[in-house]
Amino acid sequence: MKNKIFLLFFILSIGLSSQTKQGEIIYKVFSDKNNKKNILENDKISESQKQIALAFIKNTTSINCILKFKNYESLFYIEKGLNDPKNKILKISAGGNDIIYTNTNKNKEIIISKETLGQFFLVSKKFIDWELTNQSKVINGYKSFKAKGNKTVDTPNGIKIVHIIAWYTPEINIPFGPNIYNSLPGLILELHEGNLIYQVTKINLNKEITINKPIKGKKITDKELNQIFKKLYNERKKRNR
């Protein structure tokens, strides 16, 4: 009898562990209204840049982003049809019309499907290295832990380091999150990226999902795309002199 009970438990365990993990997560992204002090005290940006940043914080509201996942793959994009003029910069900062594909399996990859300069590109991105901490808080009823990371951004004005803070919950064992941020031991419920904050508003773990890896466009590295943008930026500066 004991052997039969153990066998039944073993079969059920296999069935549960082999179930497909799939669903849809909705995030809202908005500007950090509490970041005014950091902007005003930043000696590395000009007064005009400070005013632009402050106006961005003051005038924007929020937009919705969608994360779809199935097993090891996910797609992330901004909800279609969001064309409020005052949120234009916010939309661009959060990814614009990009579609971000992530695969966290053995052959790890992040690919951004991007349309720019009248062309389609498939831009490969690097995974973030996270520093896990013991700091925790409750978000939407889930105990969440803090992780820290850095993102290097190559701008026309030089290299910029953006500090990332993610709050993930091991209670939802899914290694995904907003934008390019993933590979933590649980779903990211909240993420701070510079002046942007992503927050989960809806979690649907029972939705049937299909993930199609982007294939349209020229394959290019992040560095190569930055070189194209730098070239255009410098040509525009020369014309405006």
C-alpha atoms as a PDB file:
ATOM      1  CA  MET A   1       0.000   0.000   0.000  1.00  0.00           C
ATOM      2  CA  LYS A   2       2.799   2.400   0.929  1.00  0.00           C
ATOM      3  CA  ASN A   3       4.551   1.606  -2.369  1.00  0.00           C
ATOM      4  CA  LYS A   4       1.353   2.420  -4.320  1.00  0.00           C
ATOM      5  CA  ILE A   5       0.927   5.754  -2.523  1.00  0.00           C
ATOM      6  CA  PHE A   6       4.576   6.624  -3.180  1.00  0.00           C
ATOM      7  CA  LEU A   7       4.206   5.672  -6.871  1.00  0.00           C
ATOM      8  CA  LEU A   8       1.060   7.809  -7.201  1.00  0.00           C
ATOM      9  CA  PHE A   9       2.834  10.765  -5.558  1.00  0.00           C
ATOM     10  CA  PHE A  10       5.829  10.287  -7.867  1.00  0.00           C
ATOM     11  CA  ILE A  11       3.626  10.261 -10.997  1.00  0.00           C
ATOM     12  CA  LEU A  12       1.763  13.383  -9.851  1.00  0.00           C
ATOM     13  CA  SER A  13       5.063  15.129  -9.110  1.00  0.00           C
ATOM     14  CA  ILE A  14       6.330  14.413 -12.629  1.00  0.00           C
ATOM     15  CA  GLY A  15       3.076  15.700 -14.074  1.00  0.00           C
ATOM     16  CA  LEU A  16       3.231  18.924 -12.091  1.00  0.00           C
ATOM     17  CA  SER A  17       6.899  19.587 -12.827  1.00  0.00           C
ATOM     18  CA  SER A  18       6.397  19.030 -16.568  1.00  0.00           C
ATOM     19  CA  GLN A  19       3.488  21.445 -16.856  1.00  0.00           C
ATOM     20  CA  THR A  20       4.059  24.305 -19.259  1.00  0.00           C
ATOM     21  CA  LYS A  21       4.822  27.610 -17.582  1.00  0.00           C
ATOM     22  CA  GLN A  22       3.122  30.322 -19.574  1.00  0.00           C
ATOM     23  CA  GLY A  23       1.181  33.508 -19.064  1.00  0.00           C
ATOM     24  CA  GLU A  24       0.975  37.264 -19.434  1.00  0.00           C
ATOM     25  CA  ILE A  25       2.183  40.011 -17.112  1.00  0.00           C
ATOM     26  CA  ILE A  26       1.102  43.642 -17.417  1.00  0.00           C
ATOM     27  CA  TYR A  27       3.399  46.407 -16.174  1.00  0.00           C
ATOM     28  CA  LYS A  28       2.897  50.133 -16.003  1.00  0.00           C
ATOM     29  CA  VAL A  29       5.951  52.301 -16.539  1.00  0.00           C
ATOM     30  CA  PHE A  30       6.226  55.882 -15.349  1.00  0.00           C
ATOM     31  CA  SER A  31       8.810  58.512 -14.485  1.00  0.00           C
ATOM     32  CA  ASP A  32      10.178  58.644 -10.952  1.00  0.00           C
ATOM     33  CA  LYS A  33       8.613  61.761  -9.432  1.00  0.00           C
ATOM     34  CA  ASN A  34      11.017  61.522  -6.463  1.00  0.00           C
ATOM     35  CA  ASN A  35      14.112  61.889  -8.638  1.00  0.00           C
ATOM     36  CA  LYS A  36      14.041  65.705  -8.867  1.00  0.00           C
ATOM     37  CA  LYS A  37      16.726  66.164  -6.191  1.00  0.00           C
ATOM     38  CA  ASN A  38      19.169  63.823  -7.950  1.00  0.00           C
ATOM     39  CA  ILE A  39      18.660  65.686 -11.225  1.00  0.00           C
ATOM     40  CA  LEU A  40      19.212  69.124  -9.683  1.00  0.00           C
ATOM     41  CA  GLU A  41      22.371  67.968  -7.876  1.00  0.00           C
ATOM     42  CA  ASN A  42      23.859  66.199 -10.898  1.00  0.00           C
ATOM     43  CA  ASP A  43      26.997  68.112 -11.943  1.00  0.00           C
ATOM     44  CA  LYS A  44      27.516  65.982 -15.048  1.00  0.00           C
ATOM     45  CA  ILE A  45      24.577  67.444 -17.006  1.00  0.00           C
ATOM     46  CA  SER A  46      23.944  71.009 -18.174  1.00  0.00           C
ATOM     47  CA  GLU A  47      21.190  73.281 -16.895  1.00  0.00           C
ATOM     48  CA  SER A  48      19.219  72.856 -20.129  1.00  0.00           C
ATOM     49  CA  GLN A  49      19.426  69.054 -19.782  1.00  0.00           C
ATOM     50  CA  LYS A  50      18.215  69.351 -16.188  1.00  0.00           C
ATOM     51  CA  GLN A  51      15.194  71.385 -17.301  1.00  0.00           C
ATOM     52  CA  ILE A  52      14.342  68.822 -19.977  1.00  0.00           C
ATOM     53  CA  ALA A  53      14.584  66.005 -17.415  1.00  0.00           C
ATOM     54  CA  LEU A  54      12.410  67.881 -14.903  1.00  0.00           C
ATOM     55  CA  ALA A  55       9.790  68.643 -17.569  1.00  0.00           C
ATOM     56  CA  PHE A  56       9.792  64.944 -18.511  1.00  0.00           C
ATOM     57  CA  ILE A  57       9.080  63.948 -14.911  1.00  0.00           C
ATOM     58  CA  LYS A  58       6.409  66.604 -14.435  1.00  0.00           C
ATOM     59  CA  ASN A  59       4.389  66.123 -17.616  1.00  0.00           C
ATOM     60  CA  THR A  60       4.341  62.359 -18.219  1.00  0.00           C
ATOM     61  CA  THR A  61       1.758  59.984 -16.766  1.00  0.00           C
ATOM     62  CA  SER A  62       2.186  56.225 -17.369  1.00  0.00           C
ATOM     63  CA  ILE A  63       1.960  53.650 -20.146  1.00  0.00           C
ATOM     64  CA  ASN A  64       1.300  49.918 -20.128  1.00  0.00           C
ATOM     65  CA  CYS A  65       3.794  47.244 -21.157  1.00  0.00           C
ATOM     66  CA  ILE A  66       3.140  43.574 -21.832  1.00  0.00           C
ATOM     67  CA  LEU A  67       5.324  40.574 -20.984  1.00  0.00           C
ATOM     68  CA  LYS A  68       4.345  37.226 -22.510  1.00  0.00           C
ATOM     69  CA  PHE A  69       6.254  34.088 -21.556  1.00  0.00           C
ATOM     70  CA  LYS A  70       6.235  30.382 -22.258  1.00  0.00           C
ATOM     71  CA  ASN A  71       8.785  28.032 -20.710  1.00  0.00           C
ATOM     72  CA  TYR A  72      12.219  29.579 -21.426  1.00  0.00           C
ATOM     73  CA  GLU A  73      11.078  32.267 -23.872  1.00  0.00           C
ATOM     74  CA  SER A  74       9.435  35.676 -23.498  1.00  0.00           C
ATOM     75  CA  LEU A  75       8.364  38.712 -25.496  1.00  0.00           C
ATOM     76  CA  PHE A  76       8.122  42.220 -24.079  1.00  0.00           C
ATOM     77  CA  TYR A  77       6.628  45.282 -25.767  1.00  0.00           C
ATOM     78  CA  ILE A  78       4.693  48.479 -25.080  1.00  0.00           C
ATOM     79  CA  GLU A  79       0.936  48.212 -25.455  1.00  0.00           C
ATOM     80  CA  LYS A  80      -0.132  49.201 -28.970  1.00  0.00           C
ATOM     81  CA  GLY A  81      -2.057  52.383 -29.673  1.00  0.00           C
ATOM     82  CA  LEU A  82      -0.468  54.529 -26.948  1.00  0.00           C
ATOM     83  CA  ASN A  83       0.013  57.819 -28.791  1.00  0.00           C
ATOM     84  CA  ASP A  84      -0.540  60.444 -26.089  1.00  0.00           C
ATOM     85  CA  PRO A  85       1.847  63.297 -27.135  1.00  0.00           C
ATOM     86  CA  LYS A  86       2.872  64.057 -23.533  1.00  0.00           C
ATOM     87  CA  ASN A  87       4.049  60.456 -23.136  1.00  0.00           C
ATOM     88  CA  LYS A  88       6.097  60.401 -26.339  1.00  0.00           C
ATOM     89  CA  ILE A  89       9.478  60.651 -24.580  1.00  0.00           C
ATOM     90  CA  LEU A  90       8.342  58.152 -21.939  1.00  0.00           C
ATOM     91  CA  LYS A  91       7.406  55.672 -24.672  1.00  0.00           C
ATOM     92  CA  ILE A  92      10.760  56.121 -26.432  1.00  0.00           C
ATOM     93  CA  SER A  93      12.641  55.736 -23.123  1.00  0.00           C
ATOM     94  CA  ALA A  94      10.786  52.488 -22.367  1.00  0.00           C
ATOM     95  CA  GLY A  95      11.521  50.986 -25.791  1.00  0.00           C
ATOM     96  CA  GLY A  96       9.234  52.663 -28.311  1.00  0.00           C
ATOM     97  CA  ASN A  97       7.940  50.117 -30.831  1.00  0.00           C
ATOM     98  CA  ASP A  98      10.684  47.586 -30.068  1.00  0.00           C
ATOM     99  CA  ILE A  99       9.862  43.941 -29.397  1.00  0.00           C
ATOM    100  CA  ILE A 100      12.259  42.305 -26.947  1.00  0.00           C
ATOM    101  CA  TYR A 101      12.745  38.544 -27.224  1.00  0.00           C
ATOM    102  CA  THR A 102      14.475  36.662 -24.400  1.00  0.00           C
ATOM    103  CA  ASN A 103      15.542  33.038 -24.130  1.00  0.00           C
ATOM    104  CA  THR A 104      16.890  31.980 -20.718  1.00  0.00           C
ATOM    105  CA  ASN A 105      17.680  28.385 -21.731  1.00  0.00           C
ATOM    106  CA  LYS A 106      21.233  27.091 -22.237  1.00  0.00           C
ATOM    107  CA  ASN A 107      21.695  29.143 -25.425  1.00  0.00           C
ATOM    108  CA  LYS A 108      20.900  32.417 -23.651  1.00  0.00           C
ATOM    109  CA  GLU A 109      20.011  35.353 -25.849  1.00  0.00           C
ATOM    110  CA  ILE A 110      18.260  38.696 -25.826  1.00  0.00           C
ATOM    111  CA  ILE A 111      17.233  40.078 -29.226  1.00  0.00           C
ATOM    112  CA  ILE A 112      15.580  43.440 -29.795  1.00  0.00           C
ATOM    113  CA  SER A 113      13.483  43.698 -32.943  1.00  0.00           C
ATOM    114  CA  LYS A 114      13.854  47.353 -33.894  1.00  0.00           C
ATOM    115  CA  GLU A 115      12.651  49.444 -36.829  1.00  0.00           C
ATOM    116  CA  THR A 116      14.750  52.574 -37.281  1.00  0.00           C
ATOM    117  CA  LEU A 117      16.276  54.611 -40.084  1.00  0.00           C
ATOM    118  CA  GLY A 118      13.775  52.952 -42.439  1.00  0.00           C
ATOM    119  CA  GLN A 119      15.268  49.512 -41.754  1.00  0.00           C
ATOM    120  CA  PHE A 120      14.592  46.512 -39.526  1.00  0.00           C
ATOM    121  CA  PHE A 121      17.335  45.336 -37.174  1.00  0.00           C
ATOM    122  CA  LEU A 122      17.748  42.388 -34.832  1.00  0.00           C
ATOM    123  CA  VAL A 123      19.963  43.766 -32.071  1.00  0.00           C
ATOM    124  CA  SER A 124      21.659  41.351 -29.691  1.00  0.00           C
ATOM    125  CA  LYS A 125      21.960  42.454 -26.042  1.00  0.00           C
ATOM    126  CA  LYS A 126      23.958  41.201 -23.070  1.00  0.00           C
ATOM    127  CA  PHE A 127      22.410  39.813 -19.906  1.00  0.00           C
ATOM    128  CA  ILE A 128      22.669  41.902 -16.748  1.00  0.00           C
ATOM    129  CA  ASP A 129      24.928  40.653 -13.927  1.00  0.00           C
ATOM    130  CA  TRP A 130      22.896  40.843 -10.721  1.00  0.00           C
ATOM    131  CA  GLU A 131      23.958  41.299  -7.125  1.00  0.00           C
ATOM    132  CA  LEU A 132      21.359  39.646  -4.881  1.00  0.00           C
ATOM    133  CA  THR A 133      20.623  41.127  -1.465  1.00  0.00           C
ATOM    134  CA  ASN A 134      18.658  40.066   1.622  1.00  0.00           C
ATOM    135  CA  GLN A 135      16.605  43.265   1.605  1.00  0.00           C
ATOM    136  CA  SER A 136      12.923  42.501   1.158  1.00  0.00           C
ATOM    137  CA  LYS A 137       9.483  44.081   0.992  1.00  0.00           C
ATOM    138  CA  VAL A 138       5.959  42.954   0.149  1.00  0.00           C
ATOM    139  CA  ILE A 139       4.634  43.899  -3.306  1.00  0.00           C
ATOM    140  CA  ASN A 140       1.038  43.021  -4.205  1.00  0.00           C
ATOM    141  CA  GLY A 141       1.031  40.422  -1.435  1.00  0.00           C
ATOM    142  CA  TYR A 142       4.270  38.729  -2.578  1.00  0.00           C
ATOM    143  CA  LYS A 143       7.458  38.784  -0.527  1.00  0.00           C
ATOM    144  CA  SER A 144      10.031  40.301  -2.842  1.00  0.00           C
ATOM    145  CA  PHE A 145      13.800  40.650  -2.679  1.00  0.00           C
ATOM    146  CA  LYS A 146      16.078  43.371  -3.961  1.00  0.00           C
ATOM    147  CA  ALA A 147      18.689  42.808  -6.672  1.00  0.00           C
ATOM    148  CA  LYS A 148      21.127  45.396  -8.037  1.00  0.00           C
ATOM    149  CA  GLY A 149      22.793  45.693 -11.419  1.00  0.00           C
ATOM    150  CA  ASN A 150      24.321  48.149 -13.878  1.00  0.00           C
ATOM    151  CA  LYS A 151      23.697  48.806 -17.544  1.00  0.00           C
ATOM    152  CA  THR A 152      26.295  50.464 -19.764  1.00  0.00           C
ATOM    153  CA  VAL A 153      24.836  52.852 -22.338  1.00  0.00           C
ATOM    154  CA  ASP A 154      26.966  54.222 -25.181  1.00  0.00           C
ATOM    155  CA  THR A 155      25.614  57.724 -25.899  1.00  0.00           C
ATOM    156  CA  PRO A 156      26.857  60.415 -28.328  1.00  0.00           C
ATOM    157  CA  ASN A 157      28.247  62.184 -25.250  1.00  0.00           C
ATOM    158  CA  GLY A 158      30.167  59.164 -23.981  1.00  0.00           C
ATOM    159  CA  ILE A 159      29.642  56.063 -21.855  1.00  0.00           C
ATOM    160  CA  LYS A 160      26.871  56.274 -19.256  1.00  0.00           C
ATOM    161  CA  ILE A 161      26.295  53.824 -16.406  1.00  0.00           C
ATOM    162  CA  VAL A 162      22.647  53.312 -15.460  1.00  0.00           C
ATOM    163  CA  HIS A 163      21.984  51.758 -12.060  1.00  0.00           C
ATOM    164  CA  ILE A 164      19.231  49.128 -11.967  1.00  0.00           C
ATOM    165  CA  ILE A 165      17.233  47.987  -8.943  1.00  0.00           C
ATOM    166  CA  ALA A 166      14.888  45.017  -9.316  1.00  0.00           C
ATOM    167  CA  TRP A 167      12.422  43.561  -6.826  1.00  0.00           C
ATOM    168  CA  TYR A 168      11.654  39.913  -7.618  1.00  0.00           C
ATOM    169  CA  THR A 169       9.530  37.289  -5.879  1.00  0.00           C
ATOM    170  CA  PRO A 170      10.607  33.624  -5.575  1.00  0.00           C
ATOM    171  CA  GLU A 171       6.921  32.873  -4.923  1.00  0.00           C
ATOM    172  CA  ILE A 172       6.396  33.117  -8.704  1.00  0.00           C
ATOM    173  CA  ASN A 173       9.179  30.953 -10.107  1.00  0.00           C
ATOM    174  CA  ILE A 174       9.521  32.675 -13.490  1.00  0.00           C
ATOM    175  CA  PRO A 175      12.897  34.206 -14.513  1.00  0.00           C
ATOM    176  CA  PHE A 176      11.456  37.112 -16.492  1.00  0.00           C
ATOM    177  CA  GLY A 177      10.800  40.815 -16.045  1.00  0.00           C
ATOM    178  CA  PRO A 178      10.271  44.063 -17.941  1.00  0.00           C
ATOM    179  CA  ASN A 179      12.397  45.213 -20.861  1.00  0.00           C
ATOM    180  CA  ILE A 180      15.764  43.344 -21.066  1.00  0.00           C
ATOM    181  CA  TYR A 181      15.804  42.450 -17.358  1.00  0.00           C
ATOM    182  CA  ASN A 182      15.543  38.769 -16.444  1.00  0.00           C
ATOM    183  CA  SER A 183      17.349  35.704 -15.041  1.00  0.00           C
ATOM    184  CA  LEU A 184      16.541  36.386 -11.388  1.00  0.00           C
ATOM    185  CA  PRO A 185      15.162  33.564  -9.188  1.00  0.00           C
ATOM    186  CA  GLY A 186      11.598  34.822  -9.527  1.00  0.00           C
ATOM    187  CA  LEU A 187       9.347  37.189 -11.446  1.00  0.00           C
ATOM    188  CA  ILE A 188      10.375  40.874 -11.307  1.00  0.00           C
ATOM    189  CA  LEU A 189       7.457  42.808  -9.823  1.00  0.00           C
ATOM    190  CA  GLU A 190       9.117  46.228  -9.700  1.00  0.00           C
ATOM    191  CA  LEU A 191      12.145  47.673 -11.450  1.00  0.00           C
ATOM    192  CA  HIS A 192      13.934  51.032 -11.267  1.00  0.00           C
ATOM    193  CA  GLU A 193      15.984  52.045 -14.315  1.00  0.00           C
ATOM    194  CA  GLY A 194      17.321  55.579 -14.091  1.00  0.00           C
ATOM    195  CA  ASN A 195      14.266  57.851 -14.138  1.00  0.00           C
ATOM    196  CA  LEU A 196      11.893  55.013 -15.043  1.00  0.00           C
ATOM    197  CA  ILE A 197       9.910  52.727 -12.751  1.00  0.00           C
ATOM    198  CA  TYR A 198       8.168  49.549 -13.909  1.00  0.00           C
ATOM    199  CA  GLN A 199       5.450  48.076 -11.673  1.00  0.00           C
ATOM    200  CA  VAL A 200       3.316  44.972 -12.118  1.00  0.00           C
ATOM    201  CA  THR A 201      -0.414  45.677 -12.369  1.00  0.00           C
ATOM    202  CA  LYS A 202      -1.742  42.279 -13.513  1.00  0.00           C
ATOM    203  CA  ILE A 203      -0.484  38.693 -13.382  1.00  0.00           C
ATOM    204  CA  ASN A 204      -2.167  35.995 -15.488  1.00  0.00           C
ATOM    205  CA  LEU A 205      -0.443  32.623 -15.153  1.00  0.00           C
ATOM    206  CA  ASN A 206      -3.202  30.653 -16.917  1.00  0.00           C
ATOM    207  CA  LYS A 207      -3.245  32.319 -20.320  1.00  0.00           C
ATOM    208  CA  GLU A 208      -2.389  30.275 -23.408  1.00  0.00           C
ATOM    209  CA  ILE A 209       0.638  31.906 -25.057  1.00  0.00           C
ATOM    210  CA  THR A 210       2.526  31.515 -28.340  1.00  0.00           C
ATOM    211  CA  ILE A 211       6.041  32.955 -28.604  1.00  0.00           C
ATOM    212  CA  ASN A 212       7.410  33.737 -32.057  1.00  0.00           C
ATOM    213  CA  LYS A 213      11.075  34.632 -32.155  1.00  0.00           C
ATOM    214  CA  PRO A 214      11.670  37.751 -34.309  1.00  0.00           C
ATOM    215  CA  ILE A 215      13.412  36.891 -37.587  1.00  0.00           C
ATOM    216  CA  LYS A 216      12.856  39.987 -39.770  1.00  0.00           C
ATOM    217  CA  GLY A 217      15.812  42.329 -40.032  1.00  0.00           C
ATOM    218  CA  LYS A 218      19.573  42.605 -40.235  1.00  0.00           C
ATOM    219  CA  LYS A 219      21.425  40.959 -37.346  1.00  0.00           C
ATOM    220  CA  ILE A 220      23.591  43.520 -35.611  1.00  0.00           C
ATOM    221  CA  THR A 221      25.278  44.000 -32.249  1.00  0.00           C
ATOM    222  CA  ASP A 222      24.377  46.753 -29.832  1.00  0.00           C
ATOM    223  CA  LYS A 223      27.818  48.298 -30.423  1.00  0.00           C
ATOM    224  CA  GLU A 224      27.357  48.343 -34.216  1.00  0.00           C
ATOM    225  CA  LEU A 225      23.964  50.051 -33.914  1.00  0.00           C
ATOM    226  CA  ASN A 226      25.440  52.674 -31.579  1.00  0.00           C
ATOM    227  CA  GLN A 227      28.157  53.404 -34.148  1.00  0.00           C
ATOM    228  CA  ILE A 228      25.466  54.041 -36.782  1.00  0.00           C
ATOM    229  CA  PHE A 229      23.633  56.428 -34.441  1.00  0.00           C
ATOM    230  CA  LYS A 230      26.877  58.225 -33.527  1.00  0.00           C
ATOM    231  CA  LYS A 231      27.710  58.737 -37.195  1.00  0.00           C
ATOM    232  CA  LEU A 232      24.270  60.229 -37.877  1.00  0.00           C
ATOM    233  CA  TYR A 233      24.495  62.392 -34.746  1.00  0.00           C
ATOM    234  CA  ASN A 234      27.886  63.821 -35.781  1.00  0.00           C
ATOM    235  CA  GLU A 235      26.688  64.457 -39.357  1.00  0.00           C
ATOM    236  CA  ARG A 236      23.665  66.338 -38.007  1.00  0.00           C
ATOM    237  CA  LYS A 237      25.881  68.447 -35.728  1.00  0.00           C
ATOM    238  CA  LYS A 238      28.063  69.433 -38.690  1.00  0.00           C
ATOM    239  CA  ARG A 239      25.034  70.457 -40.750  1.00  0.00           C
ATOM    240  CA  ASN A 240      23.688  72.611 -37.880  1.00  0.00           C
ATOM    241  CA  ARG A 241      26.930  74.559 -37.402  1.00  0.00           C
END
